[in-house]
Amino acid sequence: MAQAMADAIRAARPGLTVREASPLTVHVPPLTPERASQARARIAEACEALDAEVSHISRSGREQFAMAEKDGALSVDAATRGMHEVEKLASVARQQIVEARQAKEKRLQM
């Protein structure tokens, strides 16, 4: 099990040094300004990807409600309520992404 964990850490290439022993020892280098900058860039990239995924899911949800209305499965009011609910959920998800990003960036301030 320790070997599999060590291999997974190495494969992820997070800049950590792994010493295979029992227990597994992982050396975490000190956070330098350069590494903090790289981490902030990775955080920004991940948050942008999450926001894009939220947008995709939101768009898909709205399209599903529009199709259900068009097919007669939902009334106009029900479809509109559903679309608004999708937008509210997407807005909450986006806010959570922003808050998580701010918290991570705050931890990286030097």
Protein backbone atom coordinates (compact mmCIF):
# COMPACT_ATOMS: atom_id res chain seq x y z
CA MET A 1 0.00 0.00 0.00
CA ALA A 2 2.82 2.42 0.86
CA GLN A 3 4.44 1.68 -2.51
CA ALA A 4 1.22 2.49 -4.35
CA MET A 5 0.85 5.76 -2.43
CA ALA A 6 4.47 6.71 -3.12
CA ASP A 7 4.01 5.96 -6.82
CA ALA A 8 0.82 8.03 -6.95
CA ILE A 9 2.56 10.99 -5.29
CA ARG A 10 5.45 10.77 -7.75
CA ALA A 11 3.07 10.47 -10.71
CA ALA A 12 1.21 13.62 -9.62
CA ARG A 13 4.54 15.50 -9.64
CA PRO A 14 3.59 17.98 -6.92
CA GLY A 15 7.23 18.77 -6.13
CA LEU A 16 7.32 16.56 -3.06
CA THR A 17 10.06 14.11 -2.13
CA VAL A 18 8.87 10.68 -1.06
CA ARG A 19 10.91 8.30 1.08
CA GLU A 20 9.60 4.79 1.02
CA ALA A 21 9.57 3.53 4.54
CA SER A 22 7.06 2.48 7.08
CA PRO A 23 5.41 4.89 7.70
CA LEU A 24 5.68 6.67 4.36
CA THR A 25 7.63 9.92 4.68
CA VAL A 26 6.80 12.87 2.44
CA HIS A 27 9.07 15.93 2.50
CA VAL A 28 7.22 19.15 1.70
CA PRO A 29 9.63 21.88 0.64
CA PRO A 30 9.20 25.38 2.08
CA LEU A 31 6.85 27.70 0.25
CA THR A 32 8.92 30.19 -1.72
CA PRO A 33 7.48 33.22 -3.52
CA GLU A 34 7.97 31.39 -6.82
CA ARG A 35 6.15 28.26 -5.62
CA ALA A 36 3.36 30.41 -4.15
CA SER A 37 2.98 32.14 -7.52
CA GLN A 38 2.82 28.77 -9.29
CA ALA A 39 0.23 27.54 -6.79
CA ARG A 40 -1.89 30.66 -7.33
CA ALA A 41 -1.76 30.08 -11.08
CA ARG A 42 -2.88 26.44 -10.64
CA ILE A 43 -5.69 27.57 -8.33
CA ALA A 44 -6.84 30.17 -10.87
CA GLU A 45 -6.77 27.58 -13.66
CA ALA A 46 -8.74 25.05 -11.60
CA CYS A 47 -11.34 27.66 -10.60
CA GLU A 48 -11.78 28.78 -14.20
CA ALA A 49 -12.30 25.15 -15.24
CA LEU A 50 -14.88 24.69 -12.47
CA ASP A 51 -16.70 27.86 -13.50
CA ALA A 52 -16.80 26.65 -17.11
CA GLU A 53 -18.24 23.33 -15.95
CA VAL A 54 -20.91 25.11 -13.89
CA SER A 55 -21.81 27.16 -16.98
CA HIS A 56 -22.06 24.01 -19.08
CA ILE A 57 -24.26 22.24 -16.55
CA SER A 58 -26.45 25.32 -16.13
CA ARG A 59 -26.91 25.70 -19.88
CA SER A 60 -27.75 22.02 -20.19
CA GLY A 61 -30.32 22.28 -17.39
CA ARG A 62 -32.01 25.28 -18.97
CA GLU A 63 -32.12 23.48 -22.32
CA GLN A 64 -33.74 20.45 -20.68
CA PHE A 65 -36.47 22.62 -19.18
CA ALA A 66 -37.00 24.38 -22.51
CA MET A 67 -37.32 21.04 -24.33
CA ALA A 68 -39.72 19.71 -21.71
CA GLU A 69 -41.88 22.82 -22.19
CA LYS A 70 -41.73 22.50 -25.97
CA ASP A 71 -42.72 18.81 -25.77
CA GLY A 72 -45.64 19.68 -23.51
CA ALA A 73 -44.24 17.78 -20.52
CA LEU A 74 -44.08 21.02 -18.49
CA SER A 75 -46.16 24.15 -18.43
CA VAL A 76 -44.53 27.48 -19.27
CA ASP A 77 -44.64 28.44 -15.59
CA ALA A 78 -43.08 25.17 -14.43
CA ALA A 79 -40.33 25.39 -17.04
CA THR A 80 -39.62 29.01 -16.10
CA ARG A 81 -39.45 28.11 -12.40
CA GLY A 82 -37.09 25.25 -13.22
CA MET A 83 -34.82 27.50 -15.27
CA HIS A 84 -34.72 30.06 -12.46
CA GLU A 85 -33.86 27.32 -9.95
CA VAL A 86 -31.03 26.13 -12.20
CA GLU A 87 -29.68 29.69 -12.35
CA LYS A 88 -29.90 30.07 -8.56
CA LEU A 89 -27.98 26.83 -8.05
CA ALA A 90 -25.37 27.88 -10.60
CA SER A 91 -24.99 31.22 -8.84
CA VAL A 92 -24.46 29.47 -5.48
CA ALA A 93 -21.87 27.16 -7.04
CA ARG A 94 -20.01 30.09 -8.60
CA GLN A 95 -19.97 31.91 -5.26
CA GLN A 96 -18.56 28.81 -3.55
CA ILE A 97 -15.81 28.65 -6.19
CA VAL A 98 -14.93 32.31 -5.57
CA GLU A 99 -14.87 31.81 -1.80
CA ALA A 100 -12.73 28.68 -2.04
CA ARG A 101 -10.29 30.48 -4.35
CA GLN A 102 -10.03 33.45 -1.99
CA ALA A 103 -9.43 31.16 0.99
CA LYS A 104 -6.69 29.24 -0.83
CA GLU A 105 -5.03 32.43 -2.06
CA LYS A 106 -5.13 33.88 1.45
CA ARG A 107 -3.28 30.82 2.75
CA LEU A 108 -0.58 31.41 0.12
CA GLN A 109 0.09 35.04 1.05
CA MET A 110 3.61 35.54 2.21
